Amino acid sequence: MERNSTTELKKRNILRLNNAESNRITRECMTTALLKLMKEKPFEKITVSDIVKRAGVSRTAFYRNYSVKEDILGDIRQKLLDTAREF
């Protein structure tokens, strides 16, 4: 019984890692999409629909990761600050 519990725990940890990696990739796609859209039109004119369409993800994926499009800018800001701290 102990062996089965350990196996199930490992499966859950792997699944959790896969979900975390999936969310990271989804967020990266949305960040890239927003940056490309900002080259084409003002931020105020960009909609969540524009972002998810360009990123190739669902609105559900957007709202699973962000509350509003401004949250993506917060991610970009944090990445820049983290990168600056490395120097």
PDB file of N, CA and C in Angstrom:
ATOM      1  N   MET A   1       0.820  -1.193   0.000  1.00  0.00           N
ATOM      2  CA  MET A   1       0.000   0.000   0.000  1.00  0.00           C
ATOM      3  C   MET A   1       0.867   1.260   0.000  1.00  0.00           C
ATOM      4  N   GLU A   2       1.904   1.251   0.777  1.00  0.00           N
ATOM      5  CA  GLU A   2       2.829   2.388   0.830  1.00  0.00           C
ATOM      6  C   GLU A   2       3.384   2.710  -0.554  1.00  0.00           C
ATOM      7  N   ARG A   3       3.727   1.681  -1.303  1.00  0.00           N
ATOM      8  CA  ARG A   3       4.307   1.864  -2.635  1.00  0.00           C
ATOM      9  C   ARG A   3       3.306   2.555  -3.567  1.00  0.00           C
ATOM     10  N   ASN A   4       2.035   2.167  -3.522  1.00  0.00           N
ATOM     11  CA  ASN A   4       1.010   2.791  -4.354  1.00  0.00           C
ATOM     12  C   ASN A   4       0.811   4.252  -3.982  1.00  0.00           C
ATOM     13  N   SER A   5       0.843   4.578  -2.701  1.00  0.00           N
ATOM     14  CA  SER A   5       0.690   5.964  -2.259  1.00  0.00           C
ATOM     15  C   SER A   5       1.814   6.822  -2.795  1.00  0.00           C
ATOM     16  N   THR A   6       3.017   6.298  -2.741  1.00  0.00           N
ATOM     17  CA  THR A   6       4.169   7.035  -3.252  1.00  0.00           C
ATOM     18  C   THR A   6       4.035   7.256  -4.748  1.00  0.00           C
ATOM     19  N   THR A   7       3.607   6.248  -5.456  1.00  0.00           N
ATOM     20  CA  THR A   7       3.440   6.363  -6.901  1.00  0.00           C
ATOM     21  C   THR A   7       2.396   7.421  -7.238  1.00  0.00           C
ATOM     22  N   GLU A   8       1.277   7.414  -6.534  1.00  0.00           N
ATOM     23  CA  GLU A   8       0.230   8.407  -6.785  1.00  0.00           C
ATOM     24  C   GLU A   8       0.738   9.812  -6.463  1.00  0.00           C
ATOM     25  N   LEU A   9       1.512   9.937  -5.396  1.00  0.00           N
ATOM     26  CA  LEU A   9       2.073  11.235  -5.036  1.00  0.00           C
ATOM     27  C   LEU A   9       3.005  11.731  -6.129  1.00  0.00           C
ATOM     28  N   LYS A  10       3.829  10.853  -6.648  1.00  0.00           N
ATOM     29  CA  LYS A  10       4.733  11.233  -7.740  1.00  0.00           C
ATOM     30  C   LYS A  10       3.940  11.659  -8.971  1.00  0.00           C
ATOM     31  N   LYS A  11       2.876  10.930  -9.283  1.00  0.00           N
ATOM     32  CA  LYS A  11       2.041  11.284 -10.430  1.00  0.00           C
ATOM     33  C   LYS A  11       1.445  12.678 -10.250  1.00  0.00           C
ATOM     34  N   ARG A  12       0.983  12.963  -9.063  1.00  0.00           N
ATOM     35  CA  ARG A  12       0.408  14.286  -8.790  1.00  0.00           C
ATOM     36  C   ARG A  12       1.454  15.381  -8.918  1.00  0.00           C
ATOM     37  N   ASN A  13       2.651  15.128  -8.434  1.00  0.00           N
ATOM     38  CA  ASN A  13       3.716  16.122  -8.547  1.00  0.00           C
ATOM     39  C   ASN A  13       4.097  16.367  -9.998  1.00  0.00           C
ATOM     40  N   ILE A  14       4.144  15.303 -10.781  1.00  0.00           N
ATOM     41  CA  ILE A  14       4.447  15.454 -12.205  1.00  0.00           C
ATOM     42  C   ILE A  14       3.343  16.247 -12.892  1.00  0.00           C
ATOM     43  N   LEU A  15       2.101  15.926 -12.580  1.00  0.00           N
ATOM     44  CA  LEU A  15       0.976  16.650 -13.163  1.00  0.00           C
ATOM     45  C   LEU A  15       1.042  18.123 -12.781  1.00  0.00           C
ATOM     46  N   ARG A  16       1.361  18.415 -11.534  1.00  0.00           N
ATOM     47  CA  ARG A  16       1.473  19.789 -11.074  1.00  0.00           C
ATOM     48  C   ARG A  16       2.569  20.521 -11.847  1.00  0.00           C
ATOM     49  N   LEU A  17       3.705  19.851 -12.058  1.00  0.00           N
ATOM     50  CA  LEU A  17       4.784  20.460 -12.823  1.00  0.00           C
ATOM     51  C   LEU A  17       4.339  20.699 -14.257  1.00  0.00           C
ATOM     52  N   ASN A  18       3.632  19.746 -14.835  1.00  0.00           N
ATOM     53  CA  ASN A  18       3.151  19.917 -16.200  1.00  0.00           C
ATOM     54  C   ASN A  18       2.171  21.077 -16.295  1.00  0.00           C
ATOM     55  N   ASN A  19       1.288  21.214 -15.326  1.00  0.00           N
ATOM     56  CA  ASN A  19       0.347  22.330 -15.319  1.00  0.00           C
ATOM     57  C   ASN A  19       1.082  23.655 -15.164  1.00  0.00           C
ATOM     58  N   ALA A  20       2.072  23.688 -14.293  1.00  0.00           N
ATOM     59  CA  ALA A  20       2.846  24.915 -14.099  1.00  0.00           C
ATOM     60  C   ALA A  20       3.580  25.290 -15.375  1.00  0.00           C
ATOM     61  N   GLU A  21       4.162  24.301 -16.042  1.00  0.00           N
ATOM     62  CA  GLU A  21       4.870  24.561 -17.300  1.00  0.00           C
ATOM     63  C   GLU A  21       3.889  25.020 -18.376  1.00  0.00           C
ATOM     64  N   SER A  22       2.730  24.405 -18.421  1.00  0.00           N
ATOM     65  CA  SER A  22       1.706  24.802 -19.383  1.00  0.00           C
ATOM     66  C   SER A  22       1.269  26.248 -19.147  1.00  0.00           C
ATOM     67  N   ASN A  23       1.053  26.605 -17.894  1.00  0.00           N
ATOM     68  CA  ASN A  23       0.671  27.986 -17.570  1.00  0.00           C
ATOM     69  C   ASN A  23       1.782  28.965 -17.929  1.00  0.00           C
ATOM     70  N   ARG A  24       3.034  28.576 -17.706  1.00  0.00           N
ATOM     71  CA  ARG A  24       4.163  29.450 -18.038  1.00  0.00           C
ATOM     72  C   ARG A  24       4.199  29.714 -19.547  1.00  0.00           C
ATOM     73  N   ILE A  25       4.017  28.663 -20.325  1.00  0.00           N
ATOM     74  CA  ILE A  25       4.037  28.814 -21.779  1.00  0.00           C
ATOM     75  C   ILE A  25       2.856  29.662 -22.244  1.00  0.00           C
ATOM     76  N   THR A  26       1.693  29.436 -21.664  1.00  0.00           N
ATOM     77  CA  THR A  26       0.501  30.213 -22.015  1.00  0.00           C
ATOM     78  C   THR A  26       0.734  31.691 -21.719  1.00  0.00           C
ATOM     79  N   ARG A  27       1.297  31.994 -20.552  1.00  0.00           N
ATOM     80  CA  ARG A  27       1.573  33.385 -20.179  1.00  0.00           C
ATOM     81  C   ARG A  27       2.596  33.998 -21.126  1.00  0.00           C
ATOM     82  N   GLU A  28       3.593  33.218 -21.494  1.00  0.00           N
ATOM     83  CA  GLU A  28       4.610  33.706 -22.424  1.00  0.00           C
ATOM     84  C   GLU A  28       3.989  34.034 -23.786  1.00  0.00           C
ATOM     85  N   CYS A  29       3.096  33.177 -24.250  1.00  0.00           N
ATOM     86  CA  CYS A  29       2.417  33.428 -25.531  1.00  0.00           C
ATOM     87  C   CYS A  29       1.581  34.705 -25.470  1.00  0.00           C
ATOM     88  N   MET A  30       0.888  34.898 -24.362  1.00  0.00           N
ATOM     89  CA  MET A  30       0.060  36.103 -24.230  1.00  0.00           C
ATOM     90  C   MET A  30       0.924  37.364 -24.111  1.00  0.00           C
ATOM     91  N   THR A  31       2.054  37.254 -23.446  1.00  0.00           N
ATOM     92  CA  THR A  31       2.967  38.390 -23.346  1.00  0.00           C
ATOM     93  C   THR A  31       3.488  38.772 -24.725  1.00  0.00           C
ATOM     94  N   THR A  32       3.927  37.782 -25.473  1.00  0.00           N
ATOM     95  CA  THR A  32       4.426  38.025 -26.825  1.00  0.00           C
ATOM     96  C   THR A  32       3.330  38.622 -27.700  1.00  0.00           C
ATOM     97  N   ALA A  33       2.134  38.081 -27.592  1.00  0.00           N
ATOM     98  CA  ALA A  33       1.011  38.588 -28.385  1.00  0.00           C
ATOM     99  C   ALA A  33       0.735  40.055 -28.057  1.00  0.00           C
ATOM    100  N   LEU A  34       0.720  40.388 -26.777  1.00  0.00           N
ATOM    101  CA  LEU A  34       0.453  41.775 -26.392  1.00  0.00           C
ATOM    102  C   LEU A  34       1.542  42.704 -26.916  1.00  0.00           C
ATOM    103  N   LEU A  35       2.786  42.311 -26.788  1.00  0.00           N
ATOM    104  CA  LEU A  35       3.880  43.166 -27.282  1.00  0.00           C
ATOM    105  C   LEU A  35       3.776  43.387 -28.787  1.00  0.00           C
ATOM    106  N   LYS A  36       3.432  42.345 -29.530  1.00  0.00           N
ATOM    107  CA  LYS A  36       3.273  42.501 -30.982  1.00  0.00           C
ATOM    108  C   LYS A  36       2.079  43.393 -31.313  1.00  0.00           C
ATOM    109  N   LEU A  37       0.988  43.226 -30.585  1.00  0.00           N
ATOM    110  CA  LEU A  37      -0.185  44.065 -30.817  1.00  0.00           C
ATOM    111  C   LEU A  37       0.104  45.527 -30.504  1.00  0.00           C
ATOM    112  N   MET A  38       0.935  45.765 -29.487  1.00  0.00           N
ATOM    113  CA  MET A  38       1.271  47.149 -29.111  1.00  0.00           C
ATOM    114  C   MET A  38       2.092  47.842 -30.187  1.00  0.00           C
ATOM    115  N   LYS A  39       2.715  47.077 -31.080  1.00  0.00           N
ATOM    116  CA  LYS A  39       3.422  47.665 -32.222  1.00  0.00           C
ATOM    117  C   LYS A  39       2.428  48.138 -33.280  1.00  0.00           C
ATOM    118  N   GLU A  40       1.229  47.550 -33.247  1.00  0.00           N
ATOM    119  CA  GLU A  40       0.230  47.830 -34.267  1.00  0.00           C
ATOM    120  C   GLU A  40      -0.793  48.882 -33.865  1.00  0.00           C
ATOM    121  N   LYS A  41      -1.107  48.941 -32.564  1.00  0.00           N
ATOM    122  CA  LYS A  41      -2.117  49.905 -32.123  1.00  0.00           C
ATOM    123  C   LYS A  41      -1.913  50.243 -30.650  1.00  0.00           C
ATOM    124  N   PRO A  42      -2.526  51.336 -30.203  1.00  0.00           N
ATOM    125  CA  PRO A  42      -2.362  51.752 -28.806  1.00  0.00           C
ATOM    126  C   PRO A  42      -2.903  50.698 -27.831  1.00  0.00           C
ATOM    127  N   PHE A  43      -2.274  50.616 -26.675  1.00  0.00           N
ATOM    128  CA  PHE A  43      -2.654  49.653 -25.645  1.00  0.00           C
ATOM    129  C   PHE A  43      -4.142  49.742 -25.326  1.00  0.00           C
ATOM    130  N   GLU A  44      -4.677  50.952 -25.243  1.00  0.00           N
ATOM    131  CA  GLU A  44      -6.078  51.163 -24.880  1.00  0.00           C
ATOM    132  C   GLU A  44      -7.037  50.527 -25.883  1.00  0.00           C
ATOM    133  N   LYS A  45      -6.595  50.363 -27.115  1.00  0.00           N
ATOM    134  CA  LYS A  45      -7.448  49.800 -28.172  1.00  0.00           C
ATOM    135  C   LYS A  45      -7.351  48.279 -28.254  1.00  0.00           C
ATOM    136  N   ILE A  46      -6.420  47.687 -27.526  1.00  0.00           N
ATOM    137  CA  ILE A  46      -6.232  46.233 -27.552  1.00  0.00           C
ATOM    138  C   ILE A  46      -7.213  45.588 -26.585  1.00  0.00           C
ATOM    139  N   THR A  47      -7.907  44.572 -27.051  1.00  0.00           N
ATOM    140  CA  THR A  47      -8.873  43.865 -26.216  1.00  0.00           C
ATOM    141  C   THR A  47      -8.316  42.501 -25.797  1.00  0.00           C
ATOM    142  N   VAL A  48      -8.938  41.921 -24.800  1.00  0.00           N
ATOM    143  CA  VAL A  48      -8.571  40.562 -24.394  1.00  0.00           C
ATOM    144  C   VAL A  48      -8.774  39.615 -25.578  1.00  0.00           C
ATOM    145  N   SER A  49      -9.815  39.824 -26.346  1.00  0.00           N
ATOM    146  CA  SER A  49     -10.054  38.995 -27.536  1.00  0.00           C
ATOM    147  C   SER A  49      -8.900  39.092 -28.525  1.00  0.00           C
ATOM    148  N   ASP A  50      -8.371  40.301 -28.721  1.00  0.00           N
ATOM    149  CA  ASP A  50      -7.212  40.481 -29.601  1.00  0.00           C
ATOM    150  C   ASP A  50      -6.020  39.668 -29.097  1.00  0.00           C
ATOM    151  N   ILE A  51      -5.796  39.734 -27.800  1.00  0.00           N
ATOM    152  CA  ILE A  51      -4.638  39.057 -27.200  1.00  0.00           C
ATOM    153  C   ILE A  51      -4.751  37.549 -27.350  1.00  0.00           C
ATOM    154  N   VAL A  52      -5.905  36.988 -26.978  1.00  0.00           N
ATOM    155  CA  VAL A  52      -6.030  35.530 -27.030  1.00  0.00           C
ATOM    156  C   VAL A  52      -6.024  35.009 -28.468  1.00  0.00           C
ATOM    157  N   LYS A  53      -6.587  35.782 -29.379  1.00  0.00           N
ATOM    158  CA  LYS A  53      -6.581  35.369 -30.778  1.00  0.00           C
ATOM    159  C   LYS A  53      -5.149  35.330 -31.297  1.00  0.00           C
ATOM    160  N   ARG A  54      -4.376  36.378 -31.020  1.00  0.00           N
ATOM    161  CA  ARG A  54      -2.990  36.437 -31.474  1.00  0.00           C
ATOM    162  C   ARG A  54      -2.144  35.371 -30.788  1.00  0.00           C
ATOM    163  N   ALA A  55      -2.412  35.117 -29.517  1.00  0.00           N
ATOM    164  CA  ALA A  55      -1.630  34.137 -28.759  1.00  0.00           C
ATOM    165  C   ALA A  55      -2.030  32.694 -29.081  1.00  0.00           C
ATOM    166  N   GLY A  56      -3.222  32.517 -29.626  1.00  0.00           N
ATOM    167  CA  GLY A  56      -3.694  31.168 -29.923  1.00  0.00           C
ATOM    168  C   GLY A  56      -4.134  30.401 -28.691  1.00  0.00           C
ATOM    169  N   VAL A  57      -4.670  31.149 -27.717  1.00  0.00           N
ATOM    170  CA  VAL A  57      -5.172  30.522 -26.490  1.00  0.00           C
ATOM    171  C   VAL A  57      -6.621  30.930 -26.283  1.00  0.00           C
ATOM    172  N   SER A  58      -7.277  30.283 -25.353  1.00  0.00           N
ATOM    173  CA  SER A  58      -8.687  30.584 -25.088  1.00  0.00           C
ATOM    174  C   SER A  58      -8.824  31.732 -24.090  1.00  0.00           C
ATOM    175  N   ARG A  59     -10.013  32.317 -24.061  1.00  0.00           N
ATOM    176  CA  ARG A  59     -10.297  33.344 -23.049  1.00  0.00           C
ATOM    177  C   ARG A  59     -10.211  32.740 -21.653  1.00  0.00           C
ATOM    178  N   THR A  60     -10.599  31.480 -21.535  1.00  0.00           N
ATOM    179  CA  THR A  60     -10.498  30.796 -20.247  1.00  0.00           C
ATOM    180  C   THR A  60      -9.047  30.756 -19.785  1.00  0.00           C
ATOM    181  N   ALA A  61      -8.137  30.462 -20.710  1.00  0.00           N
ATOM    182  CA  ALA A  61      -6.706  30.447 -20.371  1.00  0.00           C
ATOM    183  C   ALA A  61      -6.247  31.837 -19.932  1.00  0.00           C
ATOM    184  N   PHE A  62      -6.757  32.865 -20.606  1.00  0.00           N
ATOM    185  CA  PHE A  62      -6.395  34.227 -20.209  1.00  0.00           C
ATOM    186  C   PHE A  62      -6.818  34.475 -18.768  1.00  0.00           C
ATOM    187  N   TYR A  63      -8.088  34.214 -18.487  1.00  0.00           N
ATOM    188  CA  TYR A  63      -8.617  34.525 -17.150  1.00  0.00           C
ATOM    189  C   TYR A  63      -8.117  33.561 -16.073  1.00  0.00           C
ATOM    190  N   ARG A  64      -7.579  32.431 -16.465  1.00  0.00           N
ATOM    191  CA  ARG A  64      -6.942  31.537 -15.508  1.00  0.00           C
ATOM    192  C   ARG A  64      -5.612  32.145 -15.035  1.00  0.00           C
ATOM    193  N   ASN A  65      -5.018  32.963 -15.893  1.00  0.00           N
ATOM    194  CA  ASN A  65      -3.705  33.535 -15.596  1.00  0.00           C
ATOM    195  C   ASN A  65      -3.736  35.007 -15.216  1.00  0.00           C
ATOM    196  N   TYR A  66      -4.712  35.737 -15.721  1.00  0.00           N
ATOM    197  CA  TYR A  66      -4.780  37.184 -15.500  1.00  0.00           C
ATOM    198  C   TYR A  66      -6.217  37.616 -15.212  1.00  0.00           C
ATOM    199  N   SER A  67      -6.342  38.742 -14.543  1.00  0.00           N
ATOM    200  CA  SER A  67      -7.673  39.327 -14.325  1.00  0.00           C
ATOM    201  C   SER A  67      -7.996  40.336 -15.415  1.00  0.00           C
ATOM    202  N   VAL A  68      -6.988  41.121 -15.785  1.00  0.00           N
ATOM    203  CA  VAL A  68      -7.137  42.163 -16.804  1.00  0.00           C
ATOM    204  C   VAL A  68      -5.863  42.219 -17.639  1.00  0.00           C
ATOM    205  N   LYS A  69      -5.943  42.837 -18.798  1.00  0.00           N
ATOM    206  CA  LYS A  69      -4.779  42.876 -19.691  1.00  0.00           C
ATOM    207  C   LYS A  69      -3.599  43.622 -19.065  1.00  0.00           C
ATOM    208  N   GLU A  70      -3.869  44.554 -18.181  1.00  0.00           N
ATOM    209  CA  GLU A  70      -2.795  45.288 -17.507  1.00  0.00           C
ATOM    210  C   GLU A  70      -1.903  44.363 -16.676  1.00  0.00           C
ATOM    211  N   ASP A  71      -2.454  43.234 -16.255  1.00  0.00           N
ATOM    212  CA  ASP A  71      -1.665  42.258 -15.491  1.00  0.00           C
ATOM    213  C   ASP A  71      -0.495  41.716 -16.307  1.00  0.00           C
ATOM    214  N   ILE A  72      -0.670  41.648 -17.619  1.00  0.00           N
ATOM    215  CA  ILE A  72       0.430  41.184 -18.477  1.00  0.00           C
ATOM    216  C   ILE A  72       1.577  42.187 -18.398  1.00  0.00           C
ATOM    217  N   LEU A  73       1.253  43.475 -18.394  1.00  0.00           N
ATOM    218  CA  LEU A  73       2.295  44.497 -18.254  1.00  0.00           C
ATOM    219  C   LEU A  73       3.028  44.336 -16.927  1.00  0.00           C
ATOM    220  N   GLY A  74       2.310  43.948 -15.897  1.00  0.00           N
ATOM    221  CA  GLY A  74       2.932  43.700 -14.597  1.00  0.00           C
ATOM    222  C   GLY A  74       3.930  42.556 -14.674  1.00  0.00           C
ATOM    223  N   ASP A  75       3.595  41.511 -15.424  1.00  0.00           N
ATOM    224  CA  ASP A  75       4.523  40.398 -15.627  1.00  0.00           C
ATOM    225  C   ASP A  75       5.779  40.868 -16.355  1.00  0.00           C
ATOM    226  N   ILE A  76       5.585  41.672 -17.391  1.00  0.00           N
ATOM    227  CA  ILE A  76       6.724  42.185 -18.163  1.00  0.00           C
ATOM    228  C   ILE A  76       7.616  43.026 -17.256  1.00  0.00           C
ATOM    229  N   ARG A  77       7.005  43.878 -16.467  1.00  0.00           N
ATOM    230  CA  ARG A  77       7.749  44.732 -15.536  1.00  0.00           C
ATOM    231  C   ARG A  77       8.552  43.881 -14.559  1.00  0.00           C
ATOM    232  N   GLN A  78       7.929  42.842 -14.012  1.00  0.00           N
ATOM    233  CA  GLN A  78       8.614  41.984 -13.047  1.00  0.00           C
ATOM    234  C   GLN A  78       9.797  41.253 -13.677  1.00  0.00           C
ATOM    235  N   LYS A  79       9.623  40.786 -14.907  1.00  0.00           N
ATOM    236  CA  LYS A  79      10.718  40.105 -15.604  1.00  0.00           C
ATOM    237  C   LYS A  79      11.885  41.051 -15.825  1.00  0.00           C
ATOM    238  N   LEU A  80      11.573  42.297 -16.181  1.00  0.00           N
ATOM    239  CA  LEU A  80      12.639  43.282 -16.376  1.00  0.00           C
ATOM    240  C   LEU A  80      13.378  43.564 -15.073  1.00  0.00           C
ATOM    241  N   LEU A  81      12.625  43.705 -13.985  1.00  0.00           N
ATOM    242  CA  LEU A  81      13.262  43.945 -12.691  1.00  0.00           C
ATOM    243  C   LEU A  81      14.118  42.754 -12.250  1.00  0.00           C
ATOM    244  N   ASP A  82      13.611  41.555 -12.467  1.00  0.00           N
ATOM    245  CA  ASP A  82      14.375  40.357 -12.116  1.00  0.00           C
ATOM    246  C   ASP A  82      15.668  40.275 -12.928  1.00  0.00           C
ATOM    247  N   THR A  83      15.573  40.596 -14.207  1.00  0.00           N
ATOM    248  CA  THR A  83      16.747  40.586 -15.066  1.00  0.00           C
ATOM    249  C   THR A  83      17.759  41.633 -14.615  1.00  0.00           C
ATOM    250  N   ALA A  84      17.274  42.816 -14.259  1.00  0.00           N
ATOM    251  CA  ALA A  84      18.170  43.889 -13.808  1.00  0.00           C
ATOM    252  C   ALA A  84      18.888  43.511 -12.523  1.00  0.00           C
ATOM    253  N   ARG A  85      18.226  42.783 -11.647  1.00  0.00           N
ATOM    254  CA  ARG A  85      18.839  42.357 -10.380  1.00  0.00           C
ATOM    255  C   ARG A  85      19.960  41.353 -10.589  1.00  0.00           C
ATOM    256  N   GLU A  86      19.899  40.622 -11.706  1.00  0.00           N
ATOM    257  CA  GLU A  86      20.932  39.627 -12.001  1.00  0.00           C
ATOM    258  C   GLU A  86      22.261  40.276 -12.330  1.00  0.00           C
ATOM    259  N   PHE A  87      22.249  41.535 -12.739  1.00  0.00           N
ATOM    260  CA  PHE A  87      23.496  42.209 -13.115  1.00  0.00           C
ATOM    261  C   PHE A  87      24.209  42.749 -11.951  1.00  0.00           C
TER     262      PHE A  87
END
